Amino acid sequence: MRFYVSLFCATMAYWGLSPAALSREPALAALVPANAIVCLTTPDLAQLDSHWAATGFCRLWQDDALRDFRISFHRATRLTPDADQSLLGVSWQQLLERASGEACWALVPISESDAGFLLLVDVSQHMAEATQTVAELRGQSSTAEDMDRQYFLEAGVLGISNRHELAGKALEWLKNPPQENLLASAAYRTVAEQCQVATGKPPAQLNWYIQPWAFQALVARAGFQGVGKTWNQLAAEGFQVIQAAGGVINLATAEHDLEHRWLVFAPGERKNAARLLDFSPLADFVLPTWVPADIDAVLDVHWKL
């Protein structure tokens, strides 16, 4: 389970997010159980990759000076170019060559002490290649620890999971869509709708959603040190009122390398220090004229105290 937590933490860092929405309603999210702890979706995997390649972040990532860091990242996440050692069992390039649009990755609890991942990719326009890939993947055996994978191909969707329970449920739901799923959950829909209101733009290239307290429990069970005390302090100050968070990301826009909007869903009564959670945006706010034009980054926070 440590690897799935590492994968999410490193992926969020990779995209410049804080481990803590959707701009539209991707169909694949309807195949994810409602209790998913984390969900990342994109309406177009190839577009996400091409826009990432056009950013300065990508150029920095590929710089030789970061070679050792990239190796450490691949080891920690198993998100490696080597398909045989990858957590998914396929390389990023293989996914891109077979993807026809939408993709979805979710971290889902199996029990109180275990969780698994589920990757779903639309391959409807490349069924022949996807069929061959699944056949090859099923025929491969790996001797690496914790590398058991389940593969399926149904209704134009390629599915990969490390747990047969999740693969079986997704396969069943592809044939008989359920009414209860992540897309239909109140927290997920609230984050999605509010992010759409905030952006007012075409579908974002990357969408993320997390249940922070469920994720914290998963991190604790995975054996990560030094996180319990801080979270216990946050709980004592009333921050368990936060039920979910999510955001939308666009890369290589006309104005910026990265645009990221995110929302915290805290519907209950705020007590103690949690009453400070008020970050209402200001209308028509512009940066002060004293901010120089040649800076690399700027962070603007509006906090009502």
Protein backbone atom coordinates (compact mmCIF):
# COMPACT_ATOMS: atom_id res chain seq x y z
CA MET A 1 0.00 0.00 0.00
CA ARG A 2 2.98 2.33 0.54
CA PHE A 3 3.54 2.41 -3.23
CA TYR A 4 0.03 3.67 -3.99
CA VAL A 5 0.41 6.48 -1.46
CA SER A 6 3.83 7.35 -2.88
CA LEU A 7 2.39 7.35 -6.39
CA PHE A 8 -0.28 9.89 -5.49
CA CYS A 9 2.04 12.15 -3.46
CA ALA A 10 4.67 12.20 -6.16
CA THR A 11 2.11 12.69 -8.92
CA MET A 12 0.64 15.71 -7.13
CA ALA A 13 4.14 17.12 -6.64
CA TYR A 14 4.84 16.43 -10.31
CA TRP A 15 1.90 18.63 -11.32
CA GLY A 16 2.74 21.34 -8.78
CA LEU A 17 -0.12 20.49 -6.39
CA SER A 18 -0.35 20.19 -2.65
CA PRO A 19 -1.63 16.78 -1.50
CA ALA A 20 -4.66 18.10 0.25
CA ALA A 21 -13.18 18.59 -9.57
CA LEU A 22 -13.86 18.49 -12.39
CA SER A 23 -14.69 21.03 -15.09
CA ARG A 24 -17.07 18.60 -16.73
CA GLU A 25 -18.48 15.13 -16.07
CA PRO A 26 -16.21 12.44 -17.51
CA ALA A 27 -18.03 9.18 -18.10
CA LEU A 28 -15.23 7.08 -16.64
CA ALA A 29 -15.69 8.61 -13.17
CA ALA A 30 -19.05 6.85 -13.13
CA LEU A 31 -17.14 3.55 -13.04
CA VAL A 32 -15.26 4.51 -9.86
CA PRO A 33 -16.72 3.50 -6.46
CA ALA A 34 -18.22 6.37 -4.48
CA ASN A 35 -15.77 5.86 -1.60
CA ALA A 36 -12.69 6.52 -3.74
CA ILE A 37 -10.03 8.34 -1.74
CA VAL A 38 -8.31 9.96 -4.73
CA CYS A 39 -9.32 10.42 -8.34
CA LEU A 40 -7.40 12.00 -11.25
CA THR A 41 -9.14 12.43 -14.61
CA THR A 42 -8.41 13.97 -17.97
CA PRO A 43 -10.85 14.38 -20.87
CA ASP A 44 -8.02 13.87 -23.37
CA LEU A 45 -4.84 12.03 -22.38
CA ALA A 46 -2.96 12.90 -25.58
CA GLN A 47 -3.82 16.59 -25.23
CA LEU A 48 -2.67 16.58 -21.61
CA ASP A 49 0.65 15.08 -22.67
CA SER A 50 1.18 17.53 -25.54
CA HIS A 51 0.36 20.56 -23.39
CA TRP A 52 2.66 19.30 -20.64
CA ALA A 53 5.46 18.99 -23.22
CA ALA A 54 4.95 22.68 -24.12
CA THR A 55 5.55 23.96 -20.58
CA GLY A 56 8.69 25.15 -18.89
CA PHE A 57 8.01 22.59 -16.18
CA CYS A 58 8.52 19.81 -18.71
CA ARG A 59 11.79 21.31 -19.92
CA LEU A 60 12.95 21.55 -16.33
CA TRP A 61 11.90 17.94 -15.67
CA GLN A 62 13.95 16.73 -18.64
CA ASP A 63 17.05 18.70 -17.68
CA ASP A 64 20.14 16.58 -17.04
CA ALA A 65 20.54 18.26 -13.66
CA LEU A 66 17.37 16.45 -12.48
CA ARG A 67 18.45 13.02 -13.67
CA ASP A 68 18.99 11.62 -10.15
CA PHE A 69 15.68 13.08 -8.99
CA ARG A 70 13.84 11.48 -11.94
CA ILE A 71 15.35 8.11 -11.06
CA SER A 72 14.22 8.52 -7.44
CA PHE A 73 10.75 9.58 -8.61
CA HIS A 74 10.40 6.50 -10.81
CA ARG A 75 11.52 4.22 -8.01
CA ALA A 76 9.15 5.79 -5.47
CA THR A 77 6.11 5.75 -7.73
CA ARG A 78 6.85 2.79 -10.02
CA LEU A 79 5.70 5.18 -12.74
CA THR A 80 8.71 4.26 -14.80
CA PRO A 81 9.40 4.18 -18.57
CA ASP A 82 10.25 0.49 -18.12
CA ALA A 83 6.92 -1.29 -18.53
CA ASP A 84 8.18 -4.44 -16.80
CA GLN A 85 8.86 -2.51 -13.60
CA SER A 86 5.92 -0.12 -13.82
CA LEU A 87 3.14 -0.24 -11.28
CA LEU A 88 0.71 -0.20 -14.22
CA GLY A 89 2.50 -2.84 -16.25
CA VAL A 90 2.52 -0.58 -19.31
CA SER A 91 4.62 2.39 -20.29
CA TRP A 92 3.29 5.93 -20.65
CA GLN A 93 4.00 5.78 -24.38
CA GLN A 94 1.93 2.61 -24.74
CA LEU A 95 -1.01 4.32 -23.08
CA LEU A 96 -0.68 7.38 -25.31
CA GLU A 97 -0.57 5.29 -28.48
CA ARG A 98 -3.79 3.48 -27.55
CA ALA A 99 -5.73 6.27 -25.82
CA SER A 100 -8.68 7.74 -27.71
CA GLY A 101 -9.50 10.48 -25.21
CA GLU A 102 -10.49 10.24 -21.58
CA ALA A 103 -8.49 8.57 -18.80
CA CYS A 104 -9.14 8.12 -15.10
CA TRP A 105 -6.97 6.90 -12.19
CA ALA A 106 -8.42 6.27 -8.74
CA LEU A 107 -7.25 5.03 -5.35
CA VAL A 108 -10.02 2.99 -3.76
CA PRO A 109 -10.23 1.37 -0.30
CA ILE A 110 -10.69 -2.41 -0.32
CA SER A 111 -11.01 -2.70 3.44
CA GLU A 112 -10.17 -0.65 6.53
CA SER A 113 -6.52 -1.61 6.14
CA ASP A 114 -6.04 -1.95 2.40
CA ALA A 115 -6.54 -0.06 -0.86
CA GLY A 116 -5.94 -0.56 -4.56
CA PHE A 117 -5.74 1.47 -7.73
CA LEU A 118 -7.92 1.48 -10.82
CA LEU A 119 -6.86 2.96 -14.16
CA LEU A 120 -9.44 3.36 -16.94
CA VAL A 121 -8.56 4.58 -20.44
CA ASP A 122 -10.82 5.19 -23.43
CA VAL A 123 -9.32 3.15 -26.29
CA SER A 124 -12.44 3.01 -28.48
CA GLN A 125 -10.61 4.25 -31.58
CA HIS A 126 -7.71 1.82 -31.17
CA MET A 127 -9.46 -1.42 -30.26
CA ALA A 128 -7.24 -3.68 -32.36
CA GLU A 129 -4.07 -2.36 -30.74
CA ALA A 130 -5.65 -2.39 -27.28
CA THR A 131 -6.84 -5.99 -27.73
CA GLN A 132 -3.32 -7.05 -28.67
CA THR A 133 -1.86 -5.14 -25.71
CA VAL A 134 -4.21 -6.76 -23.21
CA ALA A 135 -3.42 -10.20 -24.61
CA GLU A 136 0.32 -9.52 -24.26
CA LEU A 137 -0.07 -8.15 -20.75
CA ARG A 138 -2.11 -11.13 -19.60
CA GLY A 139 0.54 -13.43 -21.02
CA GLN A 140 3.32 -11.78 -19.12
CA SER A 141 4.31 -12.84 -15.64
CA SER A 142 6.27 -10.66 -13.23
CA THR A 143 8.43 -11.85 -10.37
CA ALA A 144 8.62 -8.41 -8.78
CA GLU A 145 7.05 -7.95 -5.35
CA ASP A 146 3.48 -6.59 -5.21
CA MET A 147 3.20 -6.44 -8.99
CA ASP A 148 0.01 -8.46 -9.45
CA ARG A 149 -2.16 -6.74 -12.07
CA GLN A 150 -5.60 -7.29 -13.54
CA TYR A 151 -6.39 -6.24 -17.13
CA PHE A 152 -9.68 -6.03 -18.97
CA LEU A 153 -11.08 -4.54 -22.16
CA GLU A 154 -14.80 -3.86 -22.44
CA ALA A 155 -16.97 -1.37 -24.33
CA GLY A 156 -13.94 0.53 -25.61
CA VAL A 157 -12.39 0.92 -22.17
CA LEU A 158 -9.02 -0.49 -21.13
CA GLY A 159 -8.85 -1.20 -17.41
CA ILE A 160 -5.84 -1.92 -15.22
CA SER A 161 -5.90 -2.63 -11.50
CA ASN A 162 -3.79 -4.32 -8.87
CA ARG A 163 -6.90 -5.78 -7.22
CA HIS A 164 -9.29 -8.23 -8.80
CA GLU A 165 -12.15 -6.78 -6.72
CA LEU A 166 -11.80 -3.38 -8.39
CA ALA A 167 -11.29 -4.82 -11.87
CA GLY A 168 -14.34 -7.05 -11.47
CA LYS A 169 -16.52 -4.21 -10.20
CA ALA A 170 -15.48 -1.86 -13.03
CA LEU A 171 -16.07 -4.59 -15.62
CA GLU A 172 -19.51 -5.28 -14.18
CA TRP A 173 -20.36 -1.57 -14.09
CA LEU A 174 -19.35 -1.16 -17.75
CA LYS A 175 -22.08 -3.65 -18.61
CA ASN A 176 -24.61 -2.43 -16.02
CA PRO A 177 -23.92 1.18 -14.93
CA PRO A 178 -24.75 1.74 -11.22
CA GLN A 179 -26.57 4.68 -9.71
CA GLU A 180 -24.14 4.99 -6.80
CA ASN A 181 -20.65 5.92 -7.95
CA LEU A 182 -18.07 8.64 -7.44
CA LEU A 183 -19.58 10.89 -10.07
CA ALA A 184 -22.94 10.78 -8.25
CA SER A 185 -21.56 11.41 -4.75
CA ALA A 186 -22.52 14.72 -3.14
CA ALA A 187 -18.97 15.82 -2.27
CA TYR A 188 -17.60 15.02 -5.72
CA ARG A 189 -20.44 16.76 -7.53
CA THR A 190 -20.22 19.85 -5.34
CA VAL A 191 -16.49 20.22 -6.00
CA ALA A 192 -17.05 19.61 -9.72
CA GLU A 193 -19.84 22.14 -10.07
CA GLN A 194 -18.08 24.86 -8.09
CA CYS A 195 -14.88 24.43 -10.07
CA GLN A 196 -16.87 24.76 -13.27
CA VAL A 197 -18.38 28.01 -12.00
CA ALA A 198 -14.93 29.29 -11.06
CA THR A 199 -13.29 28.48 -14.39
CA GLY A 200 -16.05 29.26 -16.86
CA LYS A 201 -13.79 27.77 -19.54
CA PRO A 202 -13.71 24.63 -21.70
CA PRO A 203 -13.00 21.32 -19.92
CA ALA A 204 -9.78 21.37 -17.93
CA GLN A 205 -6.91 19.17 -19.03
CA LEU A 206 -6.48 17.60 -15.61
CA ASN A 207 -8.96 17.22 -12.76
CA TRP A 208 -8.25 15.98 -9.24
CA TYR A 209 -10.30 15.05 -6.19
CA ILE A 210 -9.33 13.82 -2.73
CA GLN A 211 -10.92 12.92 0.60
CA PRO A 212 -8.12 14.26 2.82
CA TRP A 213 -8.95 12.46 6.06
CA ALA A 214 -9.37 9.12 4.34
CA PHE A 215 -6.05 9.76 2.61
CA GLN A 216 -4.42 10.61 5.94
CA ALA A 217 -5.64 7.32 7.40
CA LEU A 218 -4.20 5.49 4.40
CA VAL A 219 -0.85 7.26 4.81
CA ALA A 220 -0.75 6.33 8.49
CA ARG A 221 -1.47 2.67 7.75
CA ALA A 222 1.25 2.69 5.07
CA GLY A 223 3.79 3.41 7.79
CA PHE A 224 4.85 6.96 6.90
CA GLN A 225 6.45 8.61 9.90
CA GLY A 226 5.89 12.10 11.23
CA VAL A 227 2.39 12.74 9.86
CA GLY A 228 0.21 11.65 12.78
CA LYS A 229 0.92 14.52 15.19
CA THR A 230 0.11 17.28 12.69
CA TRP A 231 -3.12 15.64 11.59
CA ASN A 232 -4.17 15.06 15.19
CA GLN A 233 -3.64 18.77 15.88
CA LEU A 234 -5.72 19.69 12.82
CA ALA A 235 -8.50 17.36 13.98
CA ALA A 236 -8.48 18.92 17.44
CA GLU A 237 -8.88 22.36 15.86
CA GLY A 238 -11.96 21.33 13.91
CA PHE A 239 -10.47 20.74 10.46
CA GLN A 240 -12.25 17.41 10.08
CA VAL A 241 -15.09 19.57 8.78
CA ILE A 242 -13.23 19.35 5.46
CA GLN A 243 -14.84 16.42 3.66
CA ALA A 244 -13.17 16.76 0.26
CA ALA A 245 -11.04 18.94 -1.97
CA GLY A 246 -10.48 19.09 -5.69
CA GLY A 247 -9.23 21.20 -8.52
CA VAL A 248 -8.83 21.77 -12.24
CA ILE A 249 -5.58 22.34 -14.13
CA ASN A 250 -4.81 23.71 -17.57
CA LEU A 251 -1.31 23.62 -19.03
CA ALA A 252 0.37 25.82 -21.65
CA THR A 253 -2.48 28.31 -21.92
CA ALA A 254 -2.21 31.57 -23.84
CA GLU A 255 -1.28 33.40 -20.62
CA HIS A 256 0.44 30.87 -18.37
CA ASP A 257 2.40 27.64 -18.22
CA LEU A 258 -0.02 26.35 -15.61
CA GLU A 259 -3.42 27.51 -14.34
CA HIS A 260 -4.72 25.73 -11.24
CA ARG A 261 -7.99 26.37 -9.43
CA TRP A 262 -9.02 24.32 -6.43
CA LEU A 263 -11.86 24.13 -3.95
CA VAL A 264 -12.25 22.86 -0.38
CA PHE A 265 -15.59 21.24 0.51
CA ALA A 266 -16.35 21.87 4.20
CA PRO A 267 -20.16 21.86 4.60
CA GLY A 268 -20.44 21.46 8.38
CA GLU A 269 -20.17 23.91 11.26
CA ARG A 270 -16.67 25.33 11.62
CA LYS A 271 -15.25 25.31 15.12
CA ASN A 272 -12.03 26.42 16.78
CA ALA A 273 -9.27 27.28 14.30
CA ALA A 274 -11.30 25.88 11.41
CA ARG A 275 -13.33 29.09 11.53
CA LEU A 276 -10.37 30.71 9.74
CA LEU A 277 -11.29 28.83 6.56
CA ASP A 278 -12.52 31.78 4.55
CA PHE A 279 -10.69 32.45 1.30
CA SER A 280 -13.40 34.27 -0.65
CA PRO A 281 -12.07 35.72 -3.91
CA LEU A 282 -12.01 39.47 -4.43
CA ALA A 283 -13.84 40.98 -7.39
CA ASP A 284 -11.67 42.47 -10.17
CA PHE A 285 -8.45 42.09 -8.21
CA VAL A 286 -5.21 43.05 -10.00
CA LEU A 287 -1.62 42.73 -8.84
CA PRO A 288 -0.03 45.89 -7.42
CA THR A 289 2.11 47.89 -9.84
CA TRP A 290 5.19 47.36 -7.69
CA VAL A 291 5.32 43.65 -8.64
CA PRO A 292 8.07 43.34 -11.29
CA ALA A 293 7.29 41.81 -14.68
CA ASP A 294 10.26 39.44 -14.82
CA ILE A 295 9.48 37.29 -11.75
CA ASP A 296 9.21 33.50 -12.10
CA ALA A 297 6.13 33.07 -9.89
CA VAL A 298 3.69 34.96 -7.71
CA LEU A 299 1.33 33.71 -5.01
CA ASP A 300 -1.71 35.81 -4.16
CA VAL A 301 -3.82 34.82 -1.13
CA HIS A 302 -7.11 36.44 -0.10
CA TRP A 303 -7.88 35.49 3.49
CA LYS A 304 -10.76 36.96 5.47
CA LEU A 305 -9.75 37.07 9.13
